[in-house]
């Protein structure tokens, strides 16, 4: 009778050890997924910041150049601002759903990798 109890105790210890290992593995996999997502988002944010920095500096240059051509520097700034307003309007009304869908798909793909 005592041998059956010790056999059951060994089996129970092995099952508990397996469960702890499985939980640890799930934790490590979750950490890997989260760190991959954060790294991907950080890289994209850095690229977007650099892109918009260049875009803003270029916009100032174009605005000053247009202002010089038109005789008043503020004309160039209004033209560039109008261009950005038009682009923002187009993105908000026509491209918003497409951009949202692409961002959602990107996040889902990163989570499921």
C-alpha atoms as a PDB file:
ATOM      1  CA  UNK A   1       0.000   0.000   0.000  1.00  0.00           C
ATOM      2  CA  UNK A   2       2.834   2.332   0.848  1.00  0.00           C
ATOM      3  CA  UNK A   3       4.422   1.735  -2.558  1.00  0.00           C
ATOM      4  CA  UNK A   4       1.244   2.902  -4.326  1.00  0.00           C
ATOM      5  CA  UNK A   5       1.209   6.090  -2.248  1.00  0.00           C
ATOM      6  CA  UNK A   6       4.847   6.868  -3.040  1.00  0.00           C
ATOM      7  CA  UNK A   7       4.228   6.143  -6.727  1.00  0.00           C
ATOM      8  CA  UNK A   8       1.264   8.538  -6.700  1.00  0.00           C
ATOM      9  CA  UNK A   9       3.321  11.180  -4.839  1.00  0.00           C
ATOM     10  CA  UNK A  10       6.101  10.935  -7.435  1.00  0.00           C
ATOM     11  CA  UNK A  11       3.551  11.236 -10.240  1.00  0.00           C
ATOM     12  CA  UNK A  12       1.945  14.236  -8.545  1.00  0.00           C
ATOM     13  CA  UNK A  13       5.347  15.912  -8.077  1.00  0.00           C
ATOM     14  CA  UNK A  14       6.156  15.365 -11.749  1.00  0.00           C
ATOM     15  CA  UNK A  15       2.769  16.812 -12.792  1.00  0.00           C
ATOM     16  CA  UNK A  16       3.304  19.888 -10.600  1.00  0.00           C
ATOM     17  CA  UNK A  17       6.811  20.347 -12.010  1.00  0.00           C
ATOM     18  CA  UNK A  18       5.455  20.035 -15.564  1.00  0.00           C
ATOM     19  CA  UNK A  19       2.740  22.616 -14.849  1.00  0.00           C
ATOM     20  CA  UNK A  20       5.293  25.058 -13.418  1.00  0.00           C
ATOM     21  CA  UNK A  21       7.515  24.585 -16.457  1.00  0.00           C
ATOM     22  CA  UNK A  22       4.583  25.085 -18.831  1.00  0.00           C
ATOM     23  CA  UNK A  23       3.582  28.305 -17.037  1.00  0.00           C
ATOM     24  CA  UNK A  24       7.167  29.561 -17.173  1.00  0.00           C
ATOM     25  CA  UNK A  25       7.304  28.785 -20.893  1.00  0.00           C
ATOM     26  CA  UNK A  26       4.071  30.716 -21.483  1.00  0.00           C
ATOM     27  CA  UNK A  27       5.490  33.678 -19.568  1.00  0.00           C
ATOM     28  CA  UNK A  28       8.674  33.643 -21.640  1.00  0.00           C
ATOM     29  CA  UNK A  29       6.725  33.405 -24.889  1.00  0.00           C
ATOM     30  CA  UNK A  30       4.519  36.323 -23.840  1.00  0.00           C
ATOM     31  CA  UNK A  31       7.591  38.379 -22.947  1.00  0.00           C
ATOM     32  CA  UNK A  32       9.109  37.558 -26.342  1.00  0.00           C
ATOM     33  CA  UNK A  33       5.946  38.635 -28.189  1.00  0.00           C
ATOM     34  CA  UNK A  34       5.592  41.846 -26.189  1.00  0.00           C
ATOM     35  CA  UNK A  35       9.249  42.788 -26.615  1.00  0.00           C
ATOM     36  CA  UNK A  36       9.006  42.127 -30.368  1.00  0.00           C
ATOM     37  CA  UNK A  37       5.918  44.318 -30.660  1.00  0.00           C
ATOM     38  CA  UNK A  38       7.493  47.114 -28.621  1.00  0.00           C
ATOM     39  CA  UNK A  39      10.702  46.965 -30.666  1.00  0.00           C
ATOM     40  CA  UNK A  40       8.731  47.096 -33.906  1.00  0.00           C
ATOM     41  CA  UNK A  41       6.643  50.033 -32.696  1.00  0.00           C
ATOM     42  CA  UNK A  42       9.746  51.876 -31.435  1.00  0.00           C
ATOM     43  CA  UNK A  43      11.509  51.431 -34.779  1.00  0.00           C
ATOM     44  CA  UNK A  44       8.462  52.692 -36.655  1.00  0.00           C
ATOM     45  CA  UNK A  45       8.097  55.675 -34.331  1.00  0.00           C
ATOM     46  CA  UNK A  46      11.759  56.577 -34.848  1.00  0.00           C
ATOM     47  CA  UNK A  47      11.328  56.352 -38.631  1.00  0.00           C
ATOM     48  CA  UNK A  48       8.167  58.485 -38.513  1.00  0.00           C
ATOM     49  CA  UNK A  49       9.853  61.119 -36.321  1.00  0.00           C
ATOM     50  CA  UNK A  50      12.808  61.349 -38.707  1.00  0.00           C
ATOM     51  CA  UNK A  51      10.486  61.485 -41.713  1.00  0.00           C
ATOM     52  CA  UNK A  52       8.383  64.287 -40.232  1.00  0.00           C
ATOM     53  CA  UNK A  53      11.453  66.217 -39.138  1.00  0.00           C
ATOM     54  CA  UNK A  54      12.720  66.165 -42.713  1.00  0.00           C
ATOM     55  CA  UNK A  55       9.253  66.997 -43.993  1.00  0.00           C
ATOM     56  CA  UNK A  56       8.954  70.019 -41.705  1.00  0.00           C
ATOM     57  CA  UNK A  57      12.390  71.352 -42.592  1.00  0.00           C
ATOM     58  CA  UNK A  58      11.632  70.815 -46.274  1.00  0.00           C
ATOM     59  CA  UNK A  59       8.268  72.538 -45.852  1.00  0.00           C
ATOM     60  CA  UNK A  60       9.885  75.578 -44.298  1.00  0.00           C
ATOM     61  CA  UNK A  61      12.341  75.724 -47.185  1.00  0.00           C
ATOM     62  CA  UNK A  62       9.558  75.443 -49.779  1.00  0.00           C
ATOM     63  CA  UNK A  63       7.496  78.071 -47.957  1.00  0.00           C
ATOM     64  CA  UNK A  64      10.413  80.492 -47.883  1.00  0.00           C
ATOM     65  CA  UNK A  65      11.177  79.801 -51.547  1.00  0.00           C
ATOM     66  CA  UNK A  66       7.531  80.338 -52.597  1.00  0.00           C
ATOM     67  CA  UNK A  67       7.399  83.488 -50.483  1.00  0.00           C
ATOM     68  CA  UNK A  68      10.493  84.795 -52.225  1.00  0.00           C
ATOM     69  CA  UNK A  69       8.943  84.066 -55.633  1.00  0.00           C
ATOM     70  CA  UNK A  70       5.659  85.754 -54.687  1.00  0.00           C
ATOM     71  CA  UNK A  71       7.216  88.770 -52.984  1.00  0.00           C
ATOM     72  CA  UNK A  72       5.889  88.159 -49.436  1.00  0.00           C
ATOM     73  CA  UNK A  73       7.218  85.338 -47.277  1.00  0.00           C
ATOM     74  CA  UNK A  74       3.866  84.698 -45.586  1.00  0.00           C
ATOM     75  CA  UNK A  75       2.299  83.822 -48.977  1.00  0.00           C
ATOM     76  CA  UNK A  76       4.561  80.784 -49.152  1.00  0.00           C
ATOM     77  CA  UNK A  77       3.643  79.679 -45.651  1.00  0.00           C
ATOM     78  CA  UNK A  78      -0.080  79.967 -46.408  1.00  0.00           C
ATOM     79  CA  UNK A  79       0.327  77.943 -49.600  1.00  0.00           C
ATOM     80  CA  UNK A  80       2.250  75.181 -47.796  1.00  0.00           C
ATOM     81  CA  UNK A  81      -0.278  75.202 -44.925  1.00  0.00           C
ATOM     82  CA  UNK A  82      -3.129  74.938 -47.440  1.00  0.00           C
ATOM     83  CA  UNK A  83      -1.430  71.968 -49.066  1.00  0.00           C
ATOM     84  CA  UNK A  84      -1.141  70.208 -45.703  1.00  0.00           C
ATOM     85  CA  UNK A  85      -4.735  71.064 -44.859  1.00  0.00           C
ATOM     86  CA  UNK A  86      -5.842  69.516 -48.149  1.00  0.00           C
ATOM     87  CA  UNK A  87      -3.754  66.376 -47.504  1.00  0.00           C
ATOM     88  CA  UNK A  88      -5.175  66.098 -43.979  1.00  0.00           C
ATOM     89  CA  UNK A  89      -8.714  66.505 -45.274  1.00  0.00           C
ATOM     90  CA  UNK A  90      -8.187  63.752 -47.850  1.00  0.00           C
ATOM     91  CA  UNK A  91      -6.645  61.424 -45.271  1.00  0.00           C
ATOM     92  CA  UNK A  92      -9.381  62.048 -42.715  1.00  0.00           C
ATOM     93  CA  UNK A  93     -12.323  61.445 -45.005  1.00  0.00           C
ATOM     94  CA  UNK A  94     -11.033  58.956 -47.568  1.00  0.00           C
ATOM     95  CA  UNK A  95      -7.998  57.144 -46.215  1.00  0.00           C
ATOM     96  CA  UNK A  96      -8.884  56.891 -42.491  1.00  0.00           C
ATOM     97  CA  UNK A  97     -10.483  53.441 -42.706  1.00  0.00           C
ATOM     98  CA  UNK A  98      -7.668  52.083 -44.869  1.00  0.00           C
ATOM     99  CA  UNK A  99      -5.001  53.352 -42.461  1.00  0.00           C
ATOM    100  CA  UNK A 100      -6.907  51.964 -39.467  1.00  0.00           C
ATOM    101  CA  UNK A 101      -7.246  48.578 -41.173  1.00  0.00           C
ATOM    102  CA  UNK A 102      -3.521  48.435 -41.995  1.00  0.00           C
ATOM    103  CA  UNK A 103      -2.487  49.338 -38.440  1.00  0.00           C
ATOM    104  CA  UNK A 104      -4.871  46.730 -37.008  1.00  0.00           C
ATOM    105  CA  UNK A 105      -3.557  44.090 -39.409  1.00  0.00           C
ATOM    106  CA  UNK A 106       0.042  44.976 -38.535  1.00  0.00           C
ATOM    107  CA  UNK A 107      -0.605  44.637 -34.802  1.00  0.00           C
ATOM    108  CA  UNK A 108      -2.522  41.379 -35.189  1.00  0.00           C
ATOM    109  CA  UNK A 109       0.235  39.900 -37.377  1.00  0.00           C
ATOM    110  CA  UNK A 110       2.878  40.919 -34.835  1.00  0.00           C
ATOM    111  CA  UNK A 111       0.897  39.352 -31.987  1.00  0.00           C
ATOM    112  CA  UNK A 112       0.306  36.118 -33.876  1.00  0.00           C
ATOM    113  CA  UNK A 113       3.925  35.681 -35.088  1.00  0.00           C
END
